Amino acid sequence: MRRRELLAGAFAALGASALRAAEPQPVWSEALQREARSILDGAASEGLDPADYRAGPVEAAFARYLHDLHLGRVRARDLGFGVTVPVQDGALVAQALQDGIAAGRLASAVERLTPPLAQYRQLREMLARYRRLASGPAPGTLKEQLVAFGDLAAEADVNDEAVKRFQARHGLEADGVIGRATTAALAVPPARRVRQIELAMERLRWLPQRSGRPLIAINIPMFRLWAWDADAAEASPALAMNVIVGRAVRTQTPVFADEMTHLIFRPYWNVPRSILQNEVLPAIERDPGYLARHDMEMVPGADGGAPRVRQRPGAKNSLGLVKFIFPNDADVYLHGTPARELFARSRRDFSHGCVRVADPPALALWLLKDQPAWTREAIEAAMNGTRTQQVNLSAPVPVLLYYLTALVSPDDGLLHFPDDLYGHDAALERRLAARRR
């Protein structure tokens, strides 16, 4: 009876429909049980912990493994991330398991439920590589380190180019100088990098699958945006640019997925209440000419409410000359900025939560490429014209703001390890530890 309860519990984790599909419990042959145990023993290759699947009947353990492989061990929303796995995915896990049992080959269920993103497969390969590094002797000299991490050929001498490549992959100023930050990055043991890759693979399980539509994706800790045409390979983005994200301490950019619907040339900036109270009003008290100097004006509040402050369109506008809207509860959007010099920094968390893009005209041109009237010249004219203008997209474009501290960049095909800017890795570690307890 205890065995049946454990099996039912495992299938219940896949959803009510899965539990119904599992009654009566399917018959597992000895061959299937051996295959399941072999797959579970190799769970580490998928960034999972084999110890999580050693207790209880192998049938229940394998059901849990498939769930964790496809949907993740932790729910994104439990960490405050606004990405949700479709409800039907639980039923897909149960169906894949049933089909694998019926076919007498459980590996087919694993193949079917492994995240389909190319990024996941690339990280899986890098995980194996860094595990080998972690299990061997630690590299001692700078040359040994650069060779081990793939930044220097074994037959070459240490050079600036190899150091710059290492620095760029770790989110550092690529100046070729072995300073404090570079020394600290070189000292991170491979075992820690293994864990970063495992956490990144966990987060990839939360992401929506590619839909065959165009896509904009922003990896927050890497301060980087990519845009893909419909059905384009992950390694071939149509557009890439640097971005500025929310400050790490108080105004973090949230992680979520939504759809962009329109853009606005020469936007007004309606100053949010928090910025008004904490920054603008104190500045006005110190300097009565603050509003005029920053092209700001007081306007009546909605429905007779308190007056509000907005910044007029133009070169001084904090949103730049265009903003890109994907309506969301956090009121986050993409926009330009007059503070162009900040894009030269290696660490770029300066905003109040929205994302500033380095090349607004290029992003606008890509979004409006199916509207022939919007040439580069027309976009530049609208940005530098005299009126505010909204332009709707022909179809909504998915936007993904995600968070990986280990990823193979589409820019160069290299493994990058940006800093855990917002401490999300640490939070995920705590959640996984609590799950084990």
Protein backbone atom coordinates (compact mmCIF):
# COMPACT_ATOMS: atom_id res chain seq x y z
CA MET A 1 0.00 0.00 0.00
CA ARG A 2 2.86 2.38 0.85
CA ARG A 3 4.37 1.86 -2.61
CA ARG A 4 1.05 2.68 -4.29
CA GLU A 5 0.71 5.86 -2.22
CA LEU A 6 4.20 6.99 -3.25
CA LEU A 7 3.43 6.33 -6.90
CA ALA A 8 0.13 8.19 -6.68
CA GLY A 9 1.87 11.12 -5.00
CA ALA A 10 4.47 11.31 -7.74
CA PHE A 11 1.84 11.31 -10.47
CA ALA A 12 -0.28 13.81 -8.54
CA ALA A 13 2.66 16.22 -8.75
CA LEU A 14 2.14 16.18 -12.50
CA GLY A 15 -1.44 17.37 -12.14
CA ALA A 16 -4.89 15.94 -11.57
CA SER A 17 -5.23 14.84 -15.17
CA ALA A 18 -1.95 12.95 -14.86
CA LEU A 19 -3.18 11.17 -11.76
CA ARG A 20 -6.33 10.08 -13.54
CA ALA A 21 -4.22 8.88 -16.45
CA ALA A 22 -2.11 6.89 -14.02
CA GLU A 23 -5.03 4.82 -12.66
CA PRO A 24 -4.57 1.92 -12.65
CA GLN A 25 -0.80 2.21 -12.23
CA PRO A 26 1.03 0.97 -15.33
CA VAL A 27 3.06 -2.19 -15.12
CA TRP A 28 6.80 -1.62 -15.13
CA SER A 29 8.92 -4.47 -16.39
CA GLU A 30 12.30 -5.19 -14.85
CA ALA A 31 13.91 -3.82 -18.01
CA LEU A 32 12.07 -0.53 -17.60
CA GLN A 33 13.09 -0.31 -13.95
CA ARG A 34 16.74 -0.86 -14.88
CA GLU A 35 16.54 1.79 -17.61
CA ALA A 36 14.90 4.23 -15.21
CA ARG A 37 17.58 3.69 -12.59
CA SER A 38 20.32 4.17 -15.20
CA ILE A 39 18.78 7.46 -16.33
CA LEU A 40 18.36 8.65 -12.73
CA ASP A 41 21.97 7.82 -11.92
CA GLY A 42 22.97 10.15 -14.75
CA ALA A 43 20.74 13.04 -13.64
CA ALA A 44 23.81 15.21 -13.00
CA SER A 45 24.34 15.52 -16.76
CA GLU A 46 21.11 17.54 -16.88
CA GLY A 47 22.14 19.75 -13.99
CA LEU A 48 19.96 17.79 -11.55
CA ASP A 49 21.00 15.98 -8.36
CA PRO A 50 20.88 12.15 -8.58
CA ALA A 51 20.41 12.04 -4.77
CA ASP A 52 16.94 13.56 -5.23
CA TYR A 53 15.78 10.39 -7.01
CA ARG A 54 17.23 7.58 -4.90
CA ALA A 55 14.48 7.29 -2.29
CA GLY A 56 11.29 5.32 -2.79
CA PRO A 57 10.13 3.23 -5.73
CA VAL A 58 12.02 3.83 -8.94
CA GLU A 59 8.72 4.44 -10.76
CA ALA A 60 7.88 7.40 -8.51
CA ALA A 61 11.41 8.71 -8.62
CA PHE A 62 11.38 8.63 -12.42
CA ALA A 63 8.07 10.52 -12.55
CA ARG A 64 9.62 13.21 -10.32
CA TYR A 65 12.70 13.32 -12.53
CA LEU A 66 10.66 13.93 -15.68
CA HIS A 67 8.74 16.68 -13.93
CA ASP A 68 11.95 18.36 -12.74
CA LEU A 69 13.63 17.99 -16.13
CA HIS A 70 10.78 19.61 -18.01
CA LEU A 71 9.27 22.09 -15.55
CA GLY A 72 12.04 22.66 -13.00
CA ARG A 73 12.36 21.82 -9.32
CA VAL A 74 11.31 25.31 -8.22
CA ARG A 75 8.42 27.38 -9.56
CA ALA A 76 9.47 30.70 -11.07
CA ARG A 77 6.63 32.56 -9.41
CA ASP A 78 7.82 31.42 -5.96
CA LEU A 79 10.89 33.56 -6.57
CA GLY A 80 8.87 36.51 -7.84
CA PHE A 81 9.54 35.85 -11.53
CA GLY A 82 6.72 36.66 -13.92
CA VAL A 83 7.18 33.70 -16.22
CA THR A 84 4.64 30.90 -16.04
CA VAL A 85 4.74 27.40 -17.44
CA PRO A 86 1.57 26.53 -19.38
CA VAL A 87 -0.87 24.47 -17.33
CA GLN A 88 -0.96 21.77 -19.97
CA ASP A 89 2.75 21.09 -19.55
CA GLY A 90 2.00 18.93 -16.47
CA ALA A 91 -0.23 16.75 -18.62
CA LEU A 92 2.48 16.61 -21.29
CA VAL A 93 4.89 15.17 -18.74
CA ALA A 94 2.40 12.49 -17.73
CA GLN A 95 1.62 11.63 -21.36
CA ALA A 96 5.30 11.36 -22.26
CA LEU A 97 5.82 8.97 -19.37
CA GLN A 98 2.84 6.84 -20.37
CA ASP A 99 4.03 6.71 -23.97
CA GLY A 100 7.54 5.76 -22.90
CA ILE A 101 6.21 2.91 -20.77
CA ALA A 102 3.98 1.71 -23.58
CA ALA A 103 6.90 1.79 -26.04
CA GLY A 104 9.19 0.02 -23.58
CA ARG A 105 11.73 2.84 -23.89
CA LEU A 106 11.87 5.52 -21.20
CA ALA A 107 14.63 7.41 -22.98
CA SER A 108 11.99 8.58 -25.46
CA ALA A 109 10.19 10.40 -22.63
CA VAL A 110 13.45 12.06 -21.59
CA GLU A 111 14.15 13.17 -25.15
CA ARG A 112 10.62 14.54 -25.48
CA LEU A 113 10.74 16.52 -22.22
CA THR A 114 14.28 17.90 -22.31
CA PRO A 115 14.03 21.70 -22.80
CA PRO A 116 14.26 22.30 -26.55
CA LEU A 117 16.26 25.54 -26.38
CA ALA A 118 19.66 25.43 -28.06
CA GLN A 119 20.97 27.38 -25.07
CA TYR A 120 20.05 24.46 -22.81
CA ARG A 121 21.97 22.00 -24.97
CA GLN A 122 24.98 24.31 -25.08
CA LEU A 123 25.00 24.71 -21.32
CA ARG A 124 24.72 20.95 -20.89
CA GLU A 125 27.92 20.56 -22.92
CA MET A 126 29.64 23.27 -20.90
CA LEU A 127 28.49 21.62 -17.68
CA ALA A 128 30.33 18.43 -18.63
CA ARG A 129 33.44 20.44 -19.49
CA TYR A 130 33.50 22.36 -16.22
CA ARG A 131 32.83 19.20 -14.25
CA ARG A 132 35.99 17.76 -15.75
CA LEU A 133 37.88 20.90 -14.75
CA ALA A 134 36.46 20.72 -11.24
CA SER A 135 37.50 17.08 -10.83
CA GLY A 136 41.10 17.65 -11.94
CA PRO A 137 44.03 19.53 -10.41
CA ALA A 138 43.45 23.26 -10.07
CA PRO A 139 45.36 25.29 -12.69
CA GLY A 140 48.14 27.23 -10.99
CA THR A 141 49.70 29.81 -13.29
CA LEU A 142 47.87 32.45 -15.27
CA LYS A 143 48.65 30.57 -18.48
CA GLU A 144 47.25 27.34 -17.07
CA GLN A 145 44.08 29.14 -16.05
CA LEU A 146 43.56 30.82 -19.41
CA VAL A 147 44.22 27.57 -21.25
CA ALA A 148 41.87 25.60 -18.98
CA PHE A 149 39.07 28.13 -19.45
CA GLY A 150 39.49 28.18 -23.22
CA ASP A 151 40.80 31.73 -23.58
CA LEU A 152 44.33 30.80 -24.69
CA ALA A 153 45.72 28.10 -26.96
CA ALA A 154 48.01 25.66 -25.16
CA GLU A 155 50.94 26.47 -27.43
CA ALA A 156 50.60 30.26 -27.10
CA ASP A 157 52.12 32.63 -24.57
CA VAL A 158 49.93 34.75 -22.33
CA ASN A 159 48.84 37.85 -24.25
CA ASP A 160 46.48 40.80 -23.91
CA GLU A 161 43.99 39.29 -26.31
CA ALA A 162 43.51 36.18 -24.16
CA VAL A 163 43.14 38.27 -21.00
CA LYS A 164 40.62 40.57 -22.70
CA ARG A 165 38.64 37.59 -23.88
CA PHE A 166 38.50 36.21 -20.33
CA GLN A 167 37.46 39.63 -19.00
CA ALA A 168 34.73 40.08 -21.60
CA ARG A 169 33.30 36.64 -20.81
CA HIS A 170 33.09 37.54 -17.12
CA GLY A 171 31.45 40.94 -17.50
CA LEU A 172 34.62 42.89 -16.74
CA GLU A 173 36.27 45.86 -18.39
CA ALA A 174 38.21 44.24 -21.23
CA ASP A 175 41.42 46.25 -20.85
CA GLY A 176 43.94 43.39 -20.68
CA VAL A 177 45.08 44.46 -17.20
CA ILE A 178 45.16 41.84 -14.43
CA GLY A 179 43.54 44.01 -11.77
CA ARG A 180 41.62 43.15 -8.63
CA ALA A 181 38.37 42.22 -10.39
CA THR A 182 40.12 40.03 -12.96
CA THR A 183 42.17 38.31 -10.27
CA ALA A 184 38.99 37.59 -8.30
CA ALA A 185 37.30 36.12 -11.40
CA LEU A 186 40.31 33.92 -12.12
CA ALA A 187 40.19 32.65 -8.53
CA VAL A 188 36.60 31.38 -8.76
CA PRO A 189 36.91 27.57 -8.64
CA PRO A 190 35.45 25.52 -11.50
CA ALA A 191 33.08 23.87 -9.01
CA ARG A 192 31.40 27.24 -8.48
CA ARG A 193 31.06 27.69 -12.22
CA VAL A 194 29.47 24.23 -12.37
CA ARG A 195 26.83 25.42 -9.94
CA GLN A 196 26.18 28.58 -11.95
CA ILE A 197 25.57 26.46 -15.03
CA GLU A 198 23.22 24.16 -13.10
CA LEU A 199 21.21 27.15 -11.84
CA ALA A 200 21.04 28.58 -15.35
CA MET A 201 19.72 25.27 -16.68
CA GLU A 202 17.07 25.29 -13.95
CA ARG A 203 15.91 28.75 -15.05
CA LEU A 204 15.81 27.73 -18.69
CA ARG A 205 13.17 25.15 -17.75
CA TRP A 206 10.89 28.01 -16.73
CA LEU A 207 11.04 29.85 -20.03
CA PRO A 208 8.36 29.64 -22.69
CA GLN A 209 9.26 27.66 -25.77
CA ARG A 210 10.05 29.46 -29.01
CA SER A 211 6.79 30.03 -30.84
CA GLY A 212 8.09 30.60 -34.35
CA ARG A 213 7.35 34.33 -33.95
CA PRO A 214 9.88 37.18 -33.76
CA LEU A 215 11.36 37.55 -30.28
CA ILE A 216 13.16 40.14 -28.16
CA ALA A 217 15.14 38.73 -25.23
CA ILE A 218 17.16 40.60 -22.61
CA ASN A 219 19.53 38.86 -20.24
CA ILE A 220 19.51 41.27 -17.30
CA PRO A 221 22.86 40.48 -15.63
CA MET A 222 24.66 40.54 -19.00
CA PHE A 223 23.12 43.93 -19.91
CA ARG A 224 22.44 42.62 -23.40
CA LEU A 225 19.48 42.51 -25.82
CA TRP A 226 18.99 40.21 -28.78
CA ALA A 227 16.19 40.15 -31.34
CA TRP A 228 15.37 37.21 -33.58
CA ASP A 229 13.32 37.05 -36.75
CA ALA A 230 10.55 34.45 -36.90
CA ASP A 231 11.95 30.91 -36.91
CA ALA A 232 15.57 32.14 -36.79
CA ALA A 233 18.14 29.93 -35.09
CA GLU A 234 19.18 30.97 -31.60
CA ALA A 235 22.74 31.46 -32.83
CA SER A 236 21.59 33.95 -35.48
CA PRO A 237 19.94 37.00 -33.92
CA ALA A 238 18.97 39.75 -36.33
CA LEU A 239 19.91 42.41 -33.83
CA ALA A 240 22.06 42.71 -30.70
CA MET A 241 22.84 45.69 -28.49
CA ASN A 242 23.85 46.72 -25.00
CA VAL A 243 21.23 47.81 -22.49
CA ILE A 244 21.04 49.53 -19.12
CA VAL A 245 18.89 47.86 -16.45
CA GLY A 246 17.52 48.71 -13.01
CA ARG A 247 19.79 49.43 -10.08
CA ALA A 248 20.71 46.38 -8.03
CA VAL A 249 19.89 47.92 -4.65
CA ARG A 250 16.44 49.49 -4.99
CA THR A 251 15.00 49.47 -8.51
CA GLN A 252 15.67 46.08 -10.04
CA THR A 253 14.34 45.24 -13.48
CA PRO A 254 11.79 42.43 -13.03
CA VAL A 255 11.98 39.06 -14.74
CA PHE A 256 8.90 38.37 -16.86
CA ALA A 257 7.54 37.68 -20.32
CA ASP A 258 5.04 39.81 -22.23
CA GLU A 259 4.26 41.11 -25.73
CA MET A 260 5.25 44.42 -27.30
CA THR A 261 2.35 46.17 -29.02
CA HIS A 262 3.52 49.64 -30.05
CA LEU A 263 6.21 52.28 -29.87
CA ILE A 264 6.05 56.03 -29.34
CA PHE A 265 8.29 58.54 -31.06
CA ARG A 266 9.14 61.69 -29.09
CA PRO A 267 7.42 60.48 -25.90
CA TYR A 268 6.52 62.53 -22.86
CA TRP A 269 7.93 61.16 -19.62
CA ASN A 270 5.32 61.11 -16.89
CA VAL A 271 7.48 61.17 -13.78
CA PRO A 272 6.48 58.25 -11.50
CA ARG A 273 5.28 59.24 -8.04
CA SER A 274 8.24 57.58 -6.31
CA ILE A 275 10.76 59.50 -8.43
CA LEU A 276 8.74 62.69 -8.00
CA GLN A 277 8.75 62.43 -4.20
CA ASN A 278 12.28 61.11 -3.72
CA GLU A 279 14.16 63.03 -6.40
CA VAL A 280 12.28 65.77 -8.26
CA LEU A 281 10.53 67.57 -5.38
CA PRO A 282 13.71 67.74 -3.24
CA ALA A 283 15.55 69.07 -6.32
CA ILE A 284 12.90 71.76 -6.83
CA GLU A 285 13.25 72.84 -3.20
CA ARG A 286 16.98 73.28 -3.68
CA ASP A 287 16.66 74.90 -7.10
CA PRO A 288 13.40 76.65 -8.19
CA GLY A 289 14.63 76.60 -11.80
CA TYR A 290 14.97 72.80 -11.86
CA LEU A 291 11.78 72.13 -13.87
CA ALA A 292 12.51 74.66 -16.60
CA ARG A 293 16.11 73.55 -16.99
CA HIS A 294 15.03 69.92 -17.46
CA ASP A 295 12.13 70.70 -19.83
CA MET A 296 9.62 69.61 -17.19
CA GLU A 297 6.15 70.96 -16.52
CA MET A 298 3.37 70.63 -13.98
CA VAL A 299 0.08 69.31 -15.39
CA PRO A 300 -3.30 68.59 -13.76
CA GLY A 301 -3.77 65.17 -12.27
CA ALA A 302 -6.28 62.71 -13.64
CA ASP A 303 -9.87 63.13 -12.43
CA GLY A 304 -9.01 66.14 -10.33
CA GLY A 305 -6.16 64.38 -8.54
CA ALA A 306 -2.91 65.91 -7.40
CA PRO A 307 -0.87 67.70 -10.08
CA ARG A 308 1.82 65.63 -11.72
CA VAL A 309 5.10 66.39 -13.41
CA ARG A 310 6.03 65.37 -16.92
CA GLN A 311 9.04 65.97 -19.09
CA ARG A 312 8.45 67.31 -22.57
CA PRO A 313 9.76 65.44 -25.64
CA GLY A 314 13.20 66.34 -26.87
CA ALA A 315 16.92 65.85 -26.44
CA LYS A 316 16.77 66.12 -22.64
CA ASN A 317 13.91 63.66 -22.20
CA SER A 318 14.90 60.79 -19.90
CA LEU A 319 13.23 58.29 -22.28
CA GLY A 320 15.24 59.48 -25.24
CA LEU A 321 13.40 59.93 -28.52
CA VAL A 322 11.45 56.66 -28.62
CA LYS A 323 9.98 54.18 -26.18
CA PHE A 324 8.82 50.62 -26.83
CA ILE A 325 5.69 49.45 -24.99
CA PHE A 326 4.67 45.98 -23.81
CA PRO A 327 1.86 46.68 -21.30
CA ASN A 328 2.60 45.06 -17.93
CA ASP A 329 1.77 45.48 -14.26
CA ALA A 330 5.31 46.60 -13.41
CA ASP A 331 5.06 49.51 -15.91
CA VAL A 332 8.42 48.52 -17.39
CA TYR A 333 9.28 49.28 -21.01
CA LEU A 334 12.26 49.81 -23.30
CA HIS A 335 13.42 53.29 -24.24
CA GLY A 336 16.32 55.42 -25.34
CA THR A 337 18.32 57.77 -23.14
CA PRO A 338 20.26 61.03 -23.44
CA ALA A 339 22.95 59.56 -21.13
CA ARG A 340 24.78 57.76 -23.93
CA GLU A 341 28.07 57.64 -22.05
CA LEU A 342 26.73 55.00 -19.65
CA PHE A 343 26.72 52.33 -22.36
CA ALA A 344 30.53 52.34 -22.30
CA ARG A 345 30.52 50.95 -18.74
CA SER A 346 31.00 47.22 -18.20
CA ARG A 347 28.42 47.23 -15.38
CA ARG A 348 25.23 48.98 -16.46
CA ASP A 349 22.59 48.99 -13.70
CA PHE A 350 21.59 52.66 -13.57
CA SER A 351 17.86 52.83 -14.32
CA HIS A 352 14.73 52.94 -12.17
CA GLY A 353 13.65 49.55 -13.54
CA CYS A 354 12.98 50.18 -17.22
CA VAL A 355 15.50 49.07 -19.84
CA ARG A 356 17.45 51.65 -21.83
CA VAL A 357 18.62 50.46 -25.24
CA ALA A 358 21.82 51.53 -26.96
CA ASP A 359 20.43 51.79 -30.50
CA PRO A 360 16.75 52.81 -30.50
CA PRO A 361 16.57 53.52 -34.27
CA ALA A 362 17.86 50.02 -35.09
CA LEU A 363 15.33 48.40 -32.76
CA ALA A 364 12.50 50.51 -34.22
CA LEU A 365 13.57 49.59 -37.76
CA TRP A 366 13.57 45.88 -36.90
CA LEU A 367 10.15 46.07 -35.26
CA LEU A 368 8.64 47.98 -38.20
CA LYS A 369 10.37 46.04 -40.98
CA ASP A 370 7.02 44.75 -42.27
CA GLN A 371 5.72 48.33 -42.64
CA PRO A 372 7.61 49.61 -45.71
CA ALA A 373 6.88 53.28 -45.01
CA TRP A 374 9.04 53.11 -41.90
CA THR A 375 12.50 53.34 -43.42
CA ARG A 376 15.54 54.31 -41.38
CA GLU A 377 15.14 57.86 -42.68
CA ALA A 378 11.47 57.98 -41.68
CA ILE A 379 12.29 56.69 -38.20
CA GLU A 380 15.05 59.27 -37.73
CA ALA A 381 12.67 62.00 -38.92
CA ALA A 382 9.97 60.91 -36.46
CA MET A 383 12.48 60.82 -33.60
CA ASN A 384 13.71 64.31 -34.42
CA GLY A 385 10.38 65.81 -35.51
CA THR A 386 8.00 68.09 -33.67
CA ARG A 387 5.19 65.83 -32.49
CA THR A 388 4.57 62.78 -30.36
CA GLN A 389 3.53 59.82 -32.52
CA GLN A 390 2.36 56.32 -31.64
CA VAL A 391 2.97 53.51 -34.13
CA ASN A 392 1.30 50.15 -33.61
CA LEU A 393 3.10 46.96 -34.56
CA SER A 394 1.49 44.78 -37.21
CA ALA A 395 1.46 41.93 -34.69
CA PRO A 396 2.55 41.74 -31.04
CA VAL A 397 6.17 40.70 -30.52
CA PRO A 398 7.07 38.51 -27.52
CA VAL A 399 9.49 40.14 -25.09
CA LEU A 400 11.43 38.13 -22.53
CA LEU A 401 13.37 39.68 -19.66
CA TYR A 402 15.30 36.78 -18.18
CA TYR A 403 18.18 36.16 -15.80
CA LEU A 404 21.12 33.81 -16.42
CA THR A 405 24.58 34.09 -14.85
CA ALA A 406 25.89 31.41 -17.19
CA LEU A 407 25.07 31.45 -20.90
CA VAL A 408 26.58 30.78 -24.28
CA SER A 409 26.26 34.16 -25.93
CA PRO A 410 24.76 34.34 -29.43
CA ASP A 411 27.28 37.14 -30.09
CA ASP A 412 30.43 35.04 -29.96
CA GLY A 413 29.41 31.46 -29.11
CA LEU A 414 31.45 31.67 -25.89
CA LEU A 415 30.41 30.81 -22.35
CA HIS A 416 29.85 33.96 -20.30
CA PHE A 417 29.61 34.30 -16.52
CA PRO A 418 28.12 37.70 -15.64
CA ASP A 419 27.82 38.62 -11.97
CA ASP A 420 24.76 37.66 -9.94
CA LEU A 421 23.61 41.27 -10.12
CA TYR A 422 20.43 40.96 -8.06
CA GLY A 423 21.32 37.95 -5.92
CA HIS A 424 18.85 35.70 -7.74
CA ASP A 425 21.34 32.81 -7.80
CA ALA A 426 21.59 32.93 -4.03
CA ALA A 427 17.79 33.00 -3.70
CA LEU A 428 17.44 29.97 -5.97
CA GLU A 429 20.10 28.14 -3.97
CA ARG A 430 18.12 28.75 -0.77
CA ARG A 431 14.89 27.55 -2.38
CA LEU A 432 16.52 24.36 -3.63
CA ALA A 433 18.07 23.71 -0.23
CA ALA A 434 14.69 24.17 1.46
CA ARG A 435 13.13 21.75 -1.02
CA ARG A 436 15.65 19.06 -0.08
CA ARG A 437 14.92 19.51 3.61
